[in-house]
Amino acid sequence: MLGNQIRNLRVSYFWTQEYLAKQLNVAVSTVSGYENGSRKPDIETLTRIAELFEVSIDYLVGRPNSKRSLDLAEPDLWDDIELELDNEPLSREDKQYLLAIIREKRNLNRLNQNKTGNHQK
């Protein structure tokens, strides 16, 4: 379970084993061992992996519903989060614009899937 979680997160971040190994200051063979289950990280390394991928240790070891999740559609959330781009804070309007772009992209993807008959996500 742990190895699959590490591998899936690494792939979702588009990181190579080499890159993750460098971030953890371990050998590539060690990362490979974590992923294939032949090695287990110590608690410090496990903590570092969780920090790098912004997940909890619970999530890494397969406890359900423990991955950090934020619903970006919640209007009050934007008041509590400071986002910056090029060292300038994003206004509430900027944040709403980002959401609109993401929604539009999803709509376009759905339209394209319907046109091609491909209904996979």
N, C-alpha and C. Protein backbone atom coordinates (compact mmCIF):
# COMPACT_ATOMS: atom_id res chain seq x y z
N MET A 1 0.81 -1.19 0.00
CA MET A 1 0.00 0.00 0.00
C MET A 1 0.86 1.26 0.00
N LEU A 2 1.81 1.36 0.94
CA LEU A 2 2.67 2.53 1.03
C LEU A 2 3.43 2.75 -0.28
N GLY A 3 3.99 1.69 -0.81
CA GLY A 3 4.75 1.82 -2.05
C GLY A 3 3.90 2.31 -3.20
N ASN A 4 2.69 1.81 -3.30
CA ASN A 4 1.79 2.27 -4.36
C ASN A 4 1.42 3.73 -4.18
N GLN A 5 1.20 4.13 -2.93
CA GLN A 5 0.86 5.53 -2.67
C GLN A 5 2.02 6.44 -3.09
N ILE A 6 3.23 6.06 -2.71
CA ILE A 6 4.40 6.88 -3.08
C ILE A 6 4.54 6.94 -4.59
N ARG A 7 4.45 5.80 -5.25
CA ARG A 7 4.57 5.77 -6.71
C ARG A 7 3.49 6.63 -7.37
N ASN A 8 2.24 6.46 -6.94
CA ASN A 8 1.14 7.22 -7.55
C ASN A 8 1.30 8.71 -7.35
N LEU A 9 1.72 9.12 -6.17
CA LEU A 9 1.95 10.54 -5.93
C LEU A 9 3.11 11.06 -6.78
N ARG A 10 4.19 10.30 -6.82
CA ARG A 10 5.36 10.73 -7.61
C ARG A 10 4.97 10.91 -9.07
N VAL A 11 4.23 9.95 -9.61
CA VAL A 11 3.81 10.02 -11.01
C VAL A 11 2.85 11.20 -11.22
N SER A 12 1.95 11.42 -10.26
CA SER A 12 0.99 12.52 -10.41
C SER A 12 1.69 13.88 -10.38
N TYR A 13 2.86 13.94 -9.75
CA TYR A 13 3.66 15.17 -9.73
C TYR A 13 4.62 15.24 -10.91
N PHE A 14 4.61 14.20 -11.75
CA PHE A 14 5.50 14.11 -12.89
C PHE A 14 6.97 14.12 -12.47
N TRP A 15 7.25 13.48 -11.34
CA TRP A 15 8.60 13.38 -10.82
C TRP A 15 9.18 12.02 -11.19
N THR A 16 10.47 12.00 -11.46
CA THR A 16 11.18 10.74 -11.66
C THR A 16 11.61 10.20 -10.30
N GLN A 17 11.97 8.94 -10.29
CA GLN A 17 12.54 8.38 -9.06
C GLN A 17 13.81 9.13 -8.69
N GLU A 18 14.57 9.53 -9.69
CA GLU A 18 15.81 10.26 -9.44
C GLU A 18 15.54 11.59 -8.73
N TYR A 19 14.49 12.28 -9.19
CA TYR A 19 14.17 13.57 -8.58
C TYR A 19 13.73 13.39 -7.14
N LEU A 20 12.84 12.41 -6.89
CA LEU A 20 12.39 12.17 -5.53
C LEU A 20 13.55 11.76 -4.64
N ALA A 21 14.42 10.91 -5.16
CA ALA A 21 15.59 10.49 -4.37
C ALA A 21 16.43 11.70 -3.97
N LYS A 22 16.61 12.62 -4.88
CA LYS A 22 17.39 13.83 -4.57
C LYS A 22 16.70 14.66 -3.49
N GLN A 23 15.37 14.78 -3.57
CA GLN A 23 14.63 15.55 -2.57
C GLN A 23 14.73 14.91 -1.19
N LEU A 24 14.81 13.58 -1.17
CA LEU A 24 14.88 12.85 0.10
C LEU A 24 16.30 12.60 0.57
N ASN A 25 17.28 12.93 -0.30
CA ASN A 25 18.69 12.68 0.00
C ASN A 25 18.95 11.18 0.24
N VAL A 26 18.38 10.37 -0.67
CA VAL A 26 18.60 8.93 -0.64
C VAL A 26 18.96 8.46 -2.04
N ALA A 27 19.38 7.22 -2.16
CA ALA A 27 19.71 6.65 -3.47
C ALA A 27 18.44 6.35 -4.25
N VAL A 28 18.56 6.35 -5.57
CA VAL A 28 17.44 6.00 -6.43
C VAL A 28 16.95 4.58 -6.11
N SER A 29 17.88 3.69 -5.82
CA SER A 29 17.50 2.32 -5.48
C SER A 29 16.66 2.27 -4.20
N THR A 30 16.86 3.22 -3.31
CA THR A 30 16.06 3.30 -2.09
C THR A 30 14.63 3.69 -2.42
N VAL A 31 14.45 4.69 -3.28
CA VAL A 31 13.11 5.09 -3.72
C VAL A 31 12.44 3.92 -4.42
N SER A 32 13.17 3.25 -5.28
CA SER A 32 12.63 2.07 -5.96
C SER A 32 12.17 1.03 -4.95
N GLY A 33 12.97 0.82 -3.91
CA GLY A 33 12.62 -0.13 -2.86
C GLY A 33 11.36 0.28 -2.11
N TYR A 34 11.22 1.58 -1.85
CA TYR A 34 10.00 2.06 -1.20
C TYR A 34 8.79 1.73 -2.08
N GLU A 35 8.93 2.00 -3.38
CA GLU A 35 7.81 1.83 -4.29
C GLU A 35 7.45 0.36 -4.52
N ASN A 36 8.45 -0.52 -4.54
CA ASN A 36 8.13 -1.93 -4.79
C ASN A 36 7.89 -2.71 -3.50
N GLY A 37 8.03 -2.05 -2.36
CA GLY A 37 7.70 -2.66 -1.08
C GLY A 37 8.83 -3.44 -0.43
N SER A 38 10.00 -3.44 -1.04
CA SER A 38 11.11 -4.18 -0.44
C SER A 38 11.82 -3.38 0.65
N ARG A 39 11.52 -2.07 0.74
CA ARG A 39 12.09 -1.21 1.79
C ARG A 39 10.99 -0.36 2.37
N LYS A 40 11.16 0.02 3.63
CA LYS A 40 10.22 0.91 4.31
C LYS A 40 10.99 2.14 4.78
N PRO A 41 10.44 3.34 4.52
CA PRO A 41 11.12 4.55 4.99
C PRO A 41 11.02 4.68 6.51
N ASP A 42 12.05 5.27 7.12
CA ASP A 42 11.97 5.56 8.55
C ASP A 42 11.00 6.72 8.75
N ILE A 43 10.67 7.02 10.00
CA ILE A 43 9.65 8.02 10.29
C ILE A 43 10.03 9.41 9.77
N GLU A 44 11.32 9.76 9.82
CA GLU A 44 11.74 11.06 9.32
C GLU A 44 11.54 11.15 7.81
N THR A 45 11.88 10.07 7.11
CA THR A 45 11.72 10.05 5.65
C THR A 45 10.24 10.03 5.29
N LEU A 46 9.46 9.26 6.03
CA LEU A 46 8.02 9.21 5.78
C LEU A 46 7.39 10.59 5.96
N THR A 47 7.84 11.29 7.00
CA THR A 47 7.36 12.65 7.23
C THR A 47 7.74 13.57 6.07
N ARG A 48 8.96 13.44 5.60
CA ARG A 48 9.44 14.27 4.48
C ARG A 48 8.65 13.97 3.20
N ILE A 49 8.35 12.70 2.95
CA ILE A 49 7.56 12.32 1.78
C ILE A 49 6.18 12.97 1.86
N ALA A 50 5.56 12.89 3.04
CA ALA A 50 4.24 13.50 3.22
C ALA A 50 4.29 15.01 2.98
N GLU A 51 5.34 15.65 3.48
CA GLU A 51 5.49 17.09 3.28
C GLU A 51 5.67 17.42 1.80
N LEU A 52 6.51 16.66 1.11
CA LEU A 52 6.77 16.93 -0.30
C LEU A 52 5.50 16.84 -1.14
N PHE A 53 4.67 15.84 -0.83
CA PHE A 53 3.46 15.62 -1.62
C PHE A 53 2.22 16.27 -1.01
N GLU A 54 2.43 17.01 0.09
CA GLU A 54 1.33 17.73 0.74
C GLU A 54 0.17 16.82 1.09
N VAL A 55 0.49 15.68 1.68
CA VAL A 55 -0.51 14.73 2.16
C VAL A 55 -0.15 14.36 3.60
N SER A 56 -1.06 13.69 4.25
CA SER A 56 -0.78 13.24 5.62
C SER A 56 -0.08 11.89 5.58
N ILE A 57 0.56 11.54 6.66
CA ILE A 57 1.15 10.20 6.78
C ILE A 57 0.03 9.17 6.73
N ASP A 58 -1.12 9.50 7.31
CA ASP A 58 -2.28 8.59 7.24
C ASP A 58 -2.61 8.25 5.78
N TYR A 59 -2.59 9.27 4.94
CA TYR A 59 -2.88 9.03 3.52
C TYR A 59 -1.84 8.10 2.92
N LEU A 60 -0.58 8.33 3.22
CA LEU A 60 0.49 7.50 2.66
C LEU A 60 0.33 6.03 3.04
N VAL A 61 -0.10 5.77 4.26
CA VAL A 61 -0.22 4.38 4.71
C VAL A 61 -1.59 3.80 4.42
N GLY A 62 -2.44 4.56 3.72
CA GLY A 62 -3.69 4.00 3.23
C GLY A 62 -4.91 4.16 4.11
N ARG A 63 -4.83 5.02 5.09
CA ARG A 63 -6.03 5.27 5.89
C ARG A 63 -6.99 6.10 5.06
N PRO A 64 -8.27 5.72 5.02
CA PRO A 64 -9.22 6.39 4.13
C PRO A 64 -9.49 7.84 4.54
N ASN A 65 -9.82 8.62 3.52
CA ASN A 65 -10.25 10.01 3.71
C ASN A 65 -9.25 10.86 4.45
N SER A 66 -7.97 10.61 4.24
CA SER A 66 -6.99 11.40 4.97
C SER A 66 -6.15 12.30 4.07
N LYS A 67 -6.41 12.29 2.78
CA LYS A 67 -5.71 13.22 1.90
C LYS A 67 -6.31 14.61 2.10
N ARG A 68 -5.47 15.58 2.16
CA ARG A 68 -5.95 16.95 2.32
C ARG A 68 -6.79 17.33 1.11
N SER A 69 -7.91 17.95 1.38
CA SER A 69 -8.80 18.33 0.30
C SER A 69 -9.46 19.66 0.63
N LEU A 70 -9.52 20.51 -0.35
CA LEU A 70 -10.19 21.79 -0.22
C LEU A 70 -11.17 21.93 -1.37
N ASP A 71 -12.37 22.36 -1.09
CA ASP A 71 -13.35 22.61 -2.14
C ASP A 71 -13.20 24.07 -2.57
N LEU A 72 -12.63 24.26 -3.73
CA LEU A 72 -12.35 25.62 -4.20
C LEU A 72 -13.61 26.40 -4.53
N ALA A 73 -14.74 25.72 -4.63
CA ALA A 73 -15.99 26.41 -4.91
C ALA A 73 -16.58 27.07 -3.67
N GLU A 74 -16.03 26.77 -2.50
CA GLU A 74 -16.52 27.39 -1.26
C GLU A 74 -16.11 28.86 -1.24
N PRO A 75 -17.07 29.78 -1.26
CA PRO A 75 -16.72 31.20 -1.36
C PRO A 75 -15.89 31.71 -0.19
N ASP A 76 -16.15 31.23 1.02
CA ASP A 76 -15.40 31.72 2.18
C ASP A 76 -13.94 31.27 2.16
N LEU A 77 -13.66 30.19 1.46
CA LEU A 77 -12.29 29.67 1.41
C LEU A 77 -11.34 30.73 0.84
N TRP A 78 -11.78 31.45 -0.16
CA TRP A 78 -10.91 32.42 -0.82
C TRP A 78 -10.49 33.55 0.10
N ASP A 79 -11.31 33.84 1.10
CA ASP A 79 -10.95 34.89 2.05
C ASP A 79 -9.83 34.44 2.99
N ASP A 80 -9.73 33.12 3.19
CA ASP A 80 -8.76 32.58 4.14
C ASP A 80 -7.44 32.18 3.50
N ILE A 81 -7.36 32.20 2.17
CA ILE A 81 -6.15 31.76 1.49
C ILE A 81 -5.54 32.93 0.72
N GLU A 82 -4.26 33.16 0.97
CA GLU A 82 -3.53 34.18 0.23
C GLU A 82 -2.78 33.49 -0.91
N LEU A 83 -3.07 33.89 -2.13
CA LEU A 83 -2.37 33.38 -3.29
C LEU A 83 -1.61 34.51 -3.94
N GLU A 84 -0.43 34.18 -4.45
CA GLU A 84 0.40 35.17 -5.13
C GLU A 84 0.82 34.64 -6.49
N LEU A 85 1.02 35.56 -7.39
CA LEU A 85 1.58 35.26 -8.70
C LEU A 85 2.58 36.36 -9.01
N ASP A 86 3.80 35.97 -9.28
CA ASP A 86 4.87 36.94 -9.55
C ASP A 86 5.02 37.95 -8.41
N ASN A 87 4.95 37.45 -7.19
CA ASN A 87 5.12 38.26 -5.97
C ASN A 87 4.03 39.31 -5.78
N GLU A 88 2.89 39.12 -6.46
CA GLU A 88 1.77 40.03 -6.27
C GLU A 88 0.57 39.21 -5.80
N PRO A 89 -0.13 39.69 -4.77
CA PRO A 89 -1.30 38.94 -4.30
C PRO A 89 -2.41 38.93 -5.34
N LEU A 90 -3.12 37.82 -5.40
CA LEU A 90 -4.28 37.72 -6.28
C LEU A 90 -5.49 38.28 -5.55
N SER A 91 -6.25 39.08 -6.25
CA SER A 91 -7.48 39.63 -5.68
C SER A 91 -8.56 38.53 -5.68
N ARG A 92 -9.62 38.78 -4.97
CA ARG A 92 -10.75 37.83 -4.98
C ARG A 92 -11.25 37.65 -6.42
N GLU A 93 -11.28 38.73 -7.18
CA GLU A 93 -11.71 38.66 -8.58
C GLU A 93 -10.78 37.76 -9.39
N ASP A 94 -9.48 37.88 -9.17
CA ASP A 94 -8.51 37.02 -9.85
C ASP A 94 -8.77 35.55 -9.54
N LYS A 95 -9.03 35.28 -8.26
CA LYS A 95 -9.28 33.90 -7.83
C LYS A 95 -10.55 33.36 -8.49
N GLN A 96 -11.58 34.19 -8.57
CA GLN A 96 -12.82 33.77 -9.22
C GLN A 96 -12.60 33.52 -10.71
N TYR A 97 -11.74 34.32 -11.30
CA TYR A 97 -11.41 34.15 -12.72
C TYR A 97 -10.71 32.81 -12.95
N LEU A 98 -9.81 32.44 -12.04
CA LEU A 98 -9.15 31.14 -12.14
C LEU A 98 -10.17 30.01 -12.11
N LEU A 99 -11.12 30.09 -11.21
CA LEU A 99 -12.17 29.07 -11.14
C LEU A 99 -12.96 29.02 -12.45
N ALA A 100 -13.27 30.18 -12.99
CA ALA A 100 -14.03 30.22 -14.24
C ALA A 100 -13.25 29.56 -15.38
N ILE A 101 -11.96 29.77 -15.42
CA ILE A 101 -11.12 29.15 -16.46
C ILE A 101 -11.14 27.63 -16.31
N ILE A 102 -10.99 27.15 -15.10
CA ILE A 102 -11.00 25.70 -14.86
C ILE A 102 -12.34 25.10 -15.25
N ARG A 103 -13.41 25.76 -14.86
CA ARG A 103 -14.75 25.25 -15.21
C ARG A 103 -14.95 25.22 -16.72
N GLU A 104 -14.51 26.26 -17.39
CA GLU A 104 -14.65 26.31 -18.84
C GLU A 104 -13.85 25.21 -19.52
N LYS A 105 -12.65 24.97 -19.03
CA LYS A 105 -11.82 23.88 -19.57
C LYS A 105 -12.53 22.55 -19.41
N ARG A 106 -13.10 22.33 -18.24
CA ARG A 106 -13.84 21.08 -18.01
C ARG A 106 -15.03 20.96 -18.96
N ASN A 107 -15.74 22.06 -19.15
CA ASN A 107 -16.87 22.03 -20.08
C ASN A 107 -16.42 21.69 -21.50
N LEU A 108 -15.31 22.29 -21.91
CA LEU A 108 -14.78 21.99 -23.24
C LEU A 108 -14.36 20.53 -23.36
N ASN A 109 -13.74 20.00 -22.32
CA ASN A 109 -13.36 18.59 -22.32
C ASN A 109 -14.59 17.70 -22.44
N ARG A 110 -15.65 18.03 -21.71
CA ARG A 110 -16.89 17.24 -21.80
C ARG A 110 -17.47 17.29 -23.20
N LEU A 111 -17.49 18.48 -23.80
CA LEU A 111 -18.00 18.62 -25.16
C LEU A 111 -17.18 17.78 -26.14
N ASN A 112 -15.85 17.84 -26.01
CA ASN A 112 -14.99 17.06 -26.89
C ASN A 112 -15.19 15.57 -26.70
N GLN A 113 -15.38 15.14 -25.46
CA GLN A 113 -15.63 13.72 -25.19
C GLN A 113 -16.95 13.28 -25.81
N ASN A 114 -17.96 14.12 -25.71
CA ASN A 114 -19.25 13.78 -26.28
C ASN A 114 -19.18 13.70 -27.80
N LYS A 115 -18.41 14.58 -28.42
CA LYS A 115 -18.27 14.57 -29.88
C LYS A 115 -17.55 13.33 -30.37
N THR A 116 -16.54 12.89 -29.60
CA THR A 116 -15.75 11.73 -30.02
C THR A 116 -16.33 10.42 -29.51
N GLY A 117 -17.35 10.52 -28.65
CA GLY A 117 -17.92 9.29 -28.08
C GLY A 117 -17.12 8.70 -26.97
N ASN A 118 -16.10 9.40 -26.51
CA ASN A 118 -15.24 8.94 -25.42
C ASN A 118 -15.78 9.53 -24.13
N HIS A 119 -16.35 8.70 -23.28
CA HIS A 119 -16.98 9.18 -22.05
C HIS A 119 -16.15 8.89 -20.83
N GLN A 120 -14.85 8.70 -20.99
CA GLN A 120 -13.98 8.47 -19.84
C GLN A 120 -13.57 9.79 -19.26
N LYS A 121 -13.25 9.75 -17.95
CA LYS A 121 -12.78 10.98 -17.29
C LYS A 121 -11.30 11.13 -17.47
